[in-house]
Each structure stands twice: as C-alpha cells, then as structure tokens.
Amino acid sequence: MSKEARGFAMSSLSEHKDTVMALLDFMASPEGQLLDRLGFEGEEYTKSGDTYTMTDKIATRYARFFASANWTPPTPG
C-alpha cells in the first residue's frame, strides 16, 4: 500500500488485501480522517471541547496542508 497526494493505493498483487482494506476502512472513518489531517492528539494538536489547537510539530506533519516554516518545496533544476 502507498499514500500519495491523490489518495491511497493497493497493488492488485498484494498478499495482504484484507489488512489493507481494514486500514482503508479506518482511514475513511472520522477518526482516520482526523489522524490523516491533524496527526496525533498531544503531539501535532491538542483538543479542548470542540476547539483544536495546532502545536509547533504540525509544520513537520503535512506540508501540503499547512504553510510550513521549515519546508521548502522542491523546484525543478
């Protein structure tokens, strides 16, 4: 299984299709979406009631979702 900008993919030759499908089902759930987008509670974000607050670690989590102070996108040479 791989994850890319367009989503997840599984090889048709995978010997672990049931395991991959269980992971994909989790990632499609509200909990999986939260993990994919925000990371781990207490690490990349904190939650108080219905309020989510990003920590400094979020900048290294997913640069494609957030402006990151320590990530420079690759440029063609």
Protein backbone atom coordinates (compact mmCIF):
# COMPACT_ATOMS: atom_id res chain seq x y z
CA MET A 1 0.00 0.00 0.00
CA SER A 2 1.16 3.52 -0.69
CA LYS A 3 -0.10 7.02 0.05
CA GLU A 4 0.29 9.81 -2.41
CA ALA A 5 -1.29 13.22 -2.96
CA ARG A 6 -4.30 11.68 -4.73
CA GLY A 7 -5.02 9.12 -2.01
CA PHE A 8 -4.16 5.55 -1.13
CA ALA A 9 -3.37 2.70 -3.47
CA MET A 10 -3.09 -1.06 -3.12
CA SER A 11 -1.34 -3.37 -5.54
CA SER A 12 -3.55 -5.97 -7.19
CA LEU A 13 -0.72 -8.40 -6.35
CA SER A 14 -0.87 -7.67 -2.61
CA GLU A 15 -0.90 -10.71 -0.36
CA HIS A 16 -2.45 -8.62 2.43
CA LYS A 17 -5.65 -7.30 0.85
CA ASP A 18 -7.79 -7.90 3.96
CA THR A 19 -5.33 -5.99 6.15
CA VAL A 20 -5.07 -3.15 3.64
CA MET A 21 -8.85 -2.93 3.35
CA ALA A 22 -9.15 -2.75 7.15
CA LEU A 23 -6.67 0.14 7.14
CA LEU A 24 -8.51 1.88 4.30
CA ASP A 25 -11.81 1.47 6.18
CA PHE A 26 -10.20 3.06 9.24
CA MET A 27 -8.74 5.93 7.20
CA ALA A 28 -12.21 6.63 5.77
CA SER A 29 -13.70 6.85 9.28
CA PRO A 30 -13.95 10.15 11.20
CA GLU A 31 -11.10 9.00 13.47
CA GLY A 32 -8.89 8.09 10.50
CA GLN A 33 -9.62 11.39 8.77
CA LEU A 34 -8.64 13.26 11.93
CA LEU A 35 -5.40 11.29 12.17
CA ASP A 36 -4.61 11.87 8.48
CA ARG A 37 -5.29 15.60 8.62
CA LEU A 38 -4.07 16.60 12.08
CA GLY A 39 -1.77 13.84 13.30
CA PHE A 40 -1.69 12.58 16.85
CA GLU A 41 -3.51 14.35 19.66
CA GLY A 42 -0.97 15.69 22.16
CA GLU A 43 1.75 15.70 19.51
CA GLU A 44 0.60 17.72 16.49
CA TYR A 45 -2.55 19.16 18.09
CA THR A 46 -4.46 19.47 21.33
CA LYS A 47 -8.22 19.45 21.79
CA SER A 48 -10.30 21.33 24.33
CA GLY A 49 -14.02 20.78 23.88
CA ASP A 50 -14.67 21.40 20.19
CA THR A 51 -11.53 23.53 19.75
CA TYR A 52 -8.41 22.13 18.08
CA THR A 53 -5.09 23.90 18.60
CA MET A 54 -2.07 23.04 16.46
CA THR A 55 1.29 22.57 18.15
CA ASP A 56 4.64 23.56 16.63
CA LYS A 57 5.06 19.96 15.40
CA ILE A 58 2.23 20.36 12.87
CA ALA A 59 4.61 22.19 10.50
CA THR A 60 6.56 18.96 10.00
CA ARG A 61 3.47 16.76 9.66
CA TYR A 62 1.96 17.55 6.29
CA ALA A 63 3.41 20.46 4.44
CA ARG A 64 0.77 20.03 1.72
CA PHE A 65 -1.98 21.07 4.15
CA PHE A 66 -0.24 23.79 6.15
CA ALA A 67 2.30 26.51 5.46
CA SER A 68 5.49 25.17 6.96
CA ALA A 69 8.31 27.36 8.19
CA ASN A 70 10.89 24.60 7.84
CA TRP A 71 9.92 23.03 4.49
CA THR A 72 10.90 24.28 1.05
CA PRO A 73 9.11 22.66 -1.88
CA PRO A 74 11.39 21.02 -4.44
CA THR A 75 11.95 23.00 -7.61
CA PRO A 76 12.94 21.63 -11.00
CA GLY A 77 16.62 22.08 -11.68
